[in-house]
Amino acid sequence: MDFGFKISPSSAINLDNVDLTKFEELHRMEPDVYKCMACGSCSATCPASPFSGMSMRKVITALQRGKEKEAVAMLRNCMLCGKCSMVCPRGINTRHLILSIFRIYREDGK
């Protein structure tokens, strides 16, 4: 029978099965990654955000949930303009954080 909708597979993440070794390495390099309170100031000022969905808070959350590919793909839209660093209430150096994320999460050979 067709009811006009379908059931999607669960998007639940079992955090017990997520390998966070790279995120812990990122935290050792950039302790500021835990300072983010997901206020959205960075996304509000980001010139790439309206066109690409770039959001630093989404990137950090995705990394914490083990969705590394999605996070790195979102960061590829970043222009490293630094506006997010200027408005961050916690003073996070987002440029340096982004470059560290690329350094740690890069795929072999790239």
N, C-alpha and C. Protein backbone atom coordinates (compact mmCIF):
# COMPACT_ATOMS: atom_id res chain seq x y z
N MET A 1 0.82 -1.18 0.00
CA MET A 1 0.00 0.00 0.00
C MET A 1 0.88 1.25 0.00
N ASP A 2 0.48 2.27 -0.73
CA ASP A 2 1.23 3.51 -0.79
C ASP A 2 0.50 4.57 0.03
N PHE A 3 1.16 5.03 1.10
CA PHE A 3 0.57 6.04 1.97
C PHE A 3 1.09 7.44 1.67
N GLY A 4 1.93 7.58 0.65
CA GLY A 4 2.45 8.87 0.27
C GLY A 4 3.73 9.26 0.99
N PHE A 5 4.30 8.35 1.75
CA PHE A 5 5.58 8.60 2.42
C PHE A 5 6.30 7.28 2.57
N LYS A 6 7.57 7.37 2.91
CA LYS A 6 8.33 6.15 3.14
C LYS A 6 9.14 6.30 4.41
N ILE A 7 9.48 5.21 5.00
CA ILE A 7 10.26 5.22 6.21
C ILE A 7 11.74 5.24 5.84
N SER A 8 12.44 6.22 6.35
CA SER A 8 13.87 6.35 6.08
C SER A 8 14.66 5.53 7.08
N PRO A 9 15.85 5.11 6.68
CA PRO A 9 16.69 4.40 7.66
C PRO A 9 17.07 5.34 8.80
N SER A 10 17.32 4.78 9.94
CA SER A 10 17.64 5.57 11.12
C SER A 10 18.95 6.34 10.91
N SER A 11 18.96 7.58 11.38
CA SER A 11 20.19 8.38 11.31
C SER A 11 20.85 8.47 12.68
N ALA A 12 20.44 7.59 13.59
CA ALA A 12 21.03 7.58 14.92
C ALA A 12 22.50 7.17 14.85
N ILE A 13 23.30 7.78 15.71
CA ILE A 13 24.73 7.49 15.75
C ILE A 13 25.04 6.85 17.09
N ASN A 14 25.65 5.69 17.04
CA ASN A 14 26.07 5.04 18.27
C ASN A 14 27.44 5.59 18.64
N LEU A 15 27.47 6.52 19.58
CA LEU A 15 28.72 7.19 19.93
C LEU A 15 29.74 6.26 20.58
N ASP A 16 29.29 5.10 21.04
CA ASP A 16 30.23 4.13 21.60
C ASP A 16 31.10 3.51 20.51
N ASN A 17 30.62 3.53 19.26
CA ASN A 17 31.35 2.92 18.15
C ASN A 17 32.16 3.93 17.33
N VAL A 18 32.11 5.20 17.70
CA VAL A 18 32.80 6.24 16.95
C VAL A 18 34.26 6.32 17.40
N ASP A 19 35.16 6.30 16.43
CA ASP A 19 36.59 6.41 16.71
C ASP A 19 36.97 7.89 16.79
N LEU A 20 37.28 8.35 17.97
CA LEU A 20 37.59 9.76 18.18
C LEU A 20 39.09 10.03 18.35
N THR A 21 39.93 9.14 17.87
CA THR A 21 41.37 9.35 18.05
C THR A 21 41.85 10.60 17.31
N LYS A 22 41.33 10.84 16.11
CA LYS A 22 41.72 12.04 15.37
C LYS A 22 41.19 13.30 16.05
N PHE A 23 39.98 13.22 16.60
CA PHE A 23 39.43 14.39 17.29
C PHE A 23 40.24 14.69 18.55
N GLU A 24 40.68 13.66 19.24
CA GLU A 24 41.52 13.87 20.42
C GLU A 24 42.87 14.47 20.03
N GLU A 25 43.39 14.05 18.88
CA GLU A 25 44.63 14.64 18.37
C GLU A 25 44.40 16.12 18.04
N LEU A 26 43.25 16.42 17.44
CA LEU A 26 42.91 17.80 17.15
C LEU A 26 42.83 18.61 18.44
N HIS A 27 42.24 18.03 19.46
CA HIS A 27 42.13 18.73 20.75
C HIS A 27 43.51 19.00 21.35
N ARG A 28 44.43 18.07 21.20
CA ARG A 28 45.78 18.30 21.71
C ARG A 28 46.46 19.45 20.95
N MET A 29 46.22 19.53 19.64
CA MET A 29 46.81 20.60 18.84
C MET A 29 46.08 21.93 19.05
N GLU A 30 44.77 21.85 19.14
CA GLU A 30 43.91 23.03 19.23
C GLU A 30 42.94 22.88 20.41
N PRO A 31 43.36 23.22 21.62
CA PRO A 31 42.46 23.10 22.78
C PRO A 31 41.19 23.93 22.63
N ASP A 32 41.21 24.94 21.75
CA ASP A 32 40.04 25.80 21.55
C ASP A 32 38.84 25.05 20.99
N VAL A 33 39.06 23.88 20.44
CA VAL A 33 37.94 23.15 19.83
C VAL A 33 36.87 22.84 20.87
N TYR A 34 37.25 22.70 22.13
CA TYR A 34 36.27 22.45 23.19
C TYR A 34 35.65 23.74 23.72
N LYS A 35 36.18 24.89 23.35
CA LYS A 35 35.63 26.17 23.79
C LYS A 35 34.33 26.53 23.08
N CYS A 36 34.15 25.99 21.87
CA CYS A 36 32.98 26.36 21.06
C CYS A 36 31.69 26.04 21.79
N MET A 37 30.82 27.04 21.91
CA MET A 37 29.53 26.83 22.57
C MET A 37 28.39 26.81 21.55
N ALA A 38 28.72 26.72 20.28
CA ALA A 38 27.75 26.61 19.19
C ALA A 38 26.74 27.76 19.20
N CYS A 39 27.25 28.97 19.36
CA CYS A 39 26.37 30.14 19.41
C CYS A 39 25.87 30.56 18.03
N GLY A 40 26.66 30.25 16.99
CA GLY A 40 26.25 30.58 15.63
C GLY A 40 26.76 31.91 15.12
N SER A 41 27.54 32.62 15.91
CA SER A 41 28.08 33.91 15.45
C SER A 41 28.94 33.73 14.21
N CYS A 42 29.71 32.66 14.18
CA CYS A 42 30.59 32.42 13.03
C CYS A 42 29.77 32.20 11.76
N SER A 43 28.71 31.42 11.87
CA SER A 43 27.87 31.14 10.71
C SER A 43 27.13 32.38 10.24
N ALA A 44 26.76 33.24 11.19
CA ALA A 44 26.02 34.46 10.83
C ALA A 44 26.87 35.44 10.04
N THR A 45 28.17 35.46 10.28
CA THR A 45 29.03 36.41 9.57
C THR A 45 29.75 35.80 8.38
N CYS A 46 29.67 34.51 8.22
CA CYS A 46 30.39 33.82 7.15
C CYS A 46 29.82 34.16 5.77
N PRO A 47 30.65 34.70 4.87
CA PRO A 47 30.14 35.01 3.53
C PRO A 47 29.85 33.76 2.70
N ALA A 48 30.44 32.64 3.05
CA ALA A 48 30.20 31.40 2.30
C ALA A 48 28.97 30.65 2.81
N SER A 49 28.55 30.94 4.02
CA SER A 49 27.46 30.20 4.64
C SER A 49 26.14 30.22 3.86
N PRO A 50 25.67 31.38 3.40
CA PRO A 50 24.38 31.38 2.69
C PRO A 50 24.38 30.57 1.39
N PHE A 51 25.55 30.41 0.79
CA PHE A 51 25.63 29.74 -0.50
C PHE A 51 26.03 28.28 -0.41
N SER A 52 26.76 27.94 0.65
CA SER A 52 27.30 26.58 0.73
C SER A 52 26.91 25.82 1.99
N GLY A 53 26.31 26.50 2.95
CA GLY A 53 25.96 25.83 4.20
C GLY A 53 27.15 25.70 5.14
N MET A 54 28.23 26.42 4.86
CA MET A 54 29.42 26.38 5.70
C MET A 54 29.07 26.85 7.11
N SER A 55 29.41 26.03 8.10
CA SER A 55 29.15 26.37 9.49
C SER A 55 30.20 25.71 10.37
N MET A 56 30.96 26.51 11.06
CA MET A 56 32.02 25.97 11.91
C MET A 56 31.44 25.11 13.03
N ARG A 57 30.30 25.51 13.57
CA ARG A 57 29.72 24.71 14.66
C ARG A 57 29.23 23.36 14.14
N LYS A 58 28.72 23.32 12.92
CA LYS A 58 28.33 22.04 12.33
C LYS A 58 29.54 21.16 12.08
N VAL A 59 30.65 21.79 11.69
CA VAL A 59 31.89 21.04 11.43
C VAL A 59 32.37 20.39 12.72
N ILE A 60 32.42 21.15 13.80
CA ILE A 60 32.89 20.62 15.07
C ILE A 60 31.97 19.50 15.56
N THR A 61 30.67 19.70 15.45
CA THR A 61 29.72 18.67 15.86
C THR A 61 29.87 17.41 15.02
N ALA A 62 30.05 17.58 13.72
CA ALA A 62 30.23 16.42 12.85
C ALA A 62 31.49 15.65 13.21
N LEU A 63 32.57 16.36 13.52
CA LEU A 63 33.81 15.70 13.92
C LEU A 63 33.63 14.93 15.23
N GLN A 64 32.89 15.51 16.16
CA GLN A 64 32.63 14.85 17.44
C GLN A 64 31.75 13.61 17.27
N ARG A 65 30.98 13.57 16.20
CA ARG A 65 30.09 12.43 15.95
C ARG A 65 30.67 11.43 14.96
N GLY A 66 31.91 11.65 14.54
CA GLY A 66 32.57 10.71 13.66
C GLY A 66 32.24 10.88 12.19
N LYS A 67 31.62 11.98 11.82
CA LYS A 67 31.28 12.23 10.42
C LYS A 67 32.36 13.11 9.79
N GLU A 68 33.53 12.54 9.68
CA GLU A 68 34.70 13.29 9.23
C GLU A 68 34.59 13.77 7.79
N LYS A 69 34.11 12.92 6.90
CA LYS A 69 34.03 13.29 5.49
C LYS A 69 33.09 14.47 5.28
N GLU A 70 31.95 14.47 5.97
CA GLU A 70 31.00 15.57 5.85
C GLU A 70 31.61 16.88 6.36
N ALA A 71 32.34 16.78 7.46
CA ALA A 71 32.95 17.97 8.05
C ALA A 71 34.01 18.56 7.12
N VAL A 72 34.88 17.72 6.60
CA VAL A 72 35.94 18.20 5.71
C VAL A 72 35.34 18.75 4.42
N ALA A 73 34.30 18.12 3.91
CA ALA A 73 33.64 18.61 2.70
C ALA A 73 33.05 20.00 2.94
N MET A 74 32.48 20.23 4.11
CA MET A 74 31.92 21.53 4.42
C MET A 74 33.03 22.58 4.54
N LEU A 75 34.15 22.19 5.12
CA LEU A 75 35.27 23.14 5.28
C LEU A 75 35.90 23.53 3.96
N ARG A 76 35.74 22.70 2.94
CA ARG A 76 36.31 23.04 1.63
C ARG A 76 35.66 24.30 1.06
N ASN A 77 34.51 24.70 1.59
CA ASN A 77 33.84 25.92 1.14
C ASN A 77 34.37 27.17 1.84
N CYS A 78 35.19 26.97 2.87
CA CYS A 78 35.71 28.10 3.64
C CYS A 78 36.73 28.88 2.81
N MET A 79 36.63 30.21 2.87
CA MET A 79 37.55 31.07 2.14
C MET A 79 38.66 31.60 3.04
N LEU A 80 38.69 31.18 4.30
CA LEU A 80 39.68 31.62 5.29
C LEU A 80 39.75 33.14 5.39
N CYS A 81 38.60 33.80 5.32
CA CYS A 81 38.56 35.26 5.38
C CYS A 81 38.80 35.78 6.79
N GLY A 82 38.46 34.99 7.81
CA GLY A 82 38.71 35.38 9.19
C GLY A 82 37.59 36.13 9.87
N LYS A 83 36.47 36.33 9.21
CA LYS A 83 35.36 37.05 9.84
C LYS A 83 34.84 36.30 11.07
N CYS A 84 34.85 34.98 11.00
CA CYS A 84 34.37 34.17 12.12
C CYS A 84 35.25 34.37 13.36
N SER A 85 36.56 34.52 13.15
CA SER A 85 37.48 34.75 14.27
C SER A 85 37.20 36.08 14.95
N MET A 86 36.83 37.08 14.16
CA MET A 86 36.59 38.41 14.71
C MET A 86 35.34 38.47 15.58
N VAL A 87 34.34 37.66 15.29
CA VAL A 87 33.08 37.75 16.03
C VAL A 87 32.92 36.67 17.10
N CYS A 88 33.85 35.75 17.17
CA CYS A 88 33.71 34.64 18.13
C CYS A 88 33.78 35.17 19.56
N PRO A 89 32.72 34.96 20.36
CA PRO A 89 32.74 35.45 21.75
C PRO A 89 33.74 34.72 22.63
N ARG A 90 34.17 33.55 22.22
CA ARG A 90 35.16 32.79 22.99
C ARG A 90 36.58 33.03 22.51
N GLY A 91 36.75 33.81 21.44
CA GLY A 91 38.07 34.15 20.95
C GLY A 91 38.79 33.00 20.28
N ILE A 92 38.05 32.08 19.69
CA ILE A 92 38.65 30.93 19.01
C ILE A 92 39.29 31.39 17.71
N ASN A 93 40.53 30.99 17.49
CA ASN A 93 41.22 31.28 16.24
C ASN A 93 40.75 30.24 15.22
N THR A 94 39.64 30.52 14.57
CA THR A 94 39.02 29.55 13.68
C THR A 94 39.87 29.25 12.46
N ARG A 95 40.61 30.23 11.98
CA ARG A 95 41.49 29.98 10.82
C ARG A 95 42.50 28.88 11.16
N HIS A 96 43.15 29.04 12.29
CA HIS A 96 44.15 28.06 12.70
C HIS A 96 43.49 26.71 12.96
N LEU A 97 42.29 26.73 13.54
CA LEU A 97 41.55 25.49 13.79
C LEU A 97 41.21 24.78 12.48
N ILE A 98 40.77 25.52 11.49
CA ILE A 98 40.42 24.94 10.19
C ILE A 98 41.65 24.32 9.53
N LEU A 99 42.76 25.03 9.56
CA LEU A 99 43.98 24.49 8.97
C LEU A 99 44.45 23.23 9.71
N SER A 100 44.28 23.20 11.02
CA SER A 100 44.63 22.01 11.79
C SER A 100 43.72 20.84 11.45
N ILE A 101 42.45 21.13 11.24
CA ILE A 101 41.51 20.07 10.85
C ILE A 101 41.93 19.47 9.52
N PHE A 102 42.27 20.32 8.56
CA PHE A 102 42.74 19.81 7.27
C PHE A 102 44.00 18.98 7.43
N ARG A 103 44.89 19.41 8.30
CA ARG A 103 46.15 18.70 8.51
C ARG A 103 45.88 17.31 9.10
N ILE A 104 44.98 17.21 10.05
CA ILE A 104 44.73 15.95 10.73
C ILE A 104 43.83 15.01 9.93
N TYR A 105 42.79 15.56 9.32
CA TYR A 105 41.78 14.74 8.66
C TYR A 105 42.00 14.54 7.17
N ARG A 106 43.14 14.99 6.65
CA ARG A 106 43.37 14.81 5.22
C ARG A 106 43.47 13.32 4.88
N GLU A 107 43.02 13.01 3.69
CA GLU A 107 43.11 11.63 3.24
C GLU A 107 44.52 11.39 2.73
N ASP A 108 44.98 10.16 2.82
CA ASP A 108 46.34 9.83 2.37
C ASP A 108 46.49 10.17 0.89
N GLY A 109 47.59 10.80 0.56
CA GLY A 109 47.88 11.12 -0.82
C GLY A 109 47.33 12.46 -1.26
N LYS A 110 46.69 13.21 -0.36
CA LYS A 110 46.13 14.51 -0.76
C LYS A 110 46.78 15.62 0.02
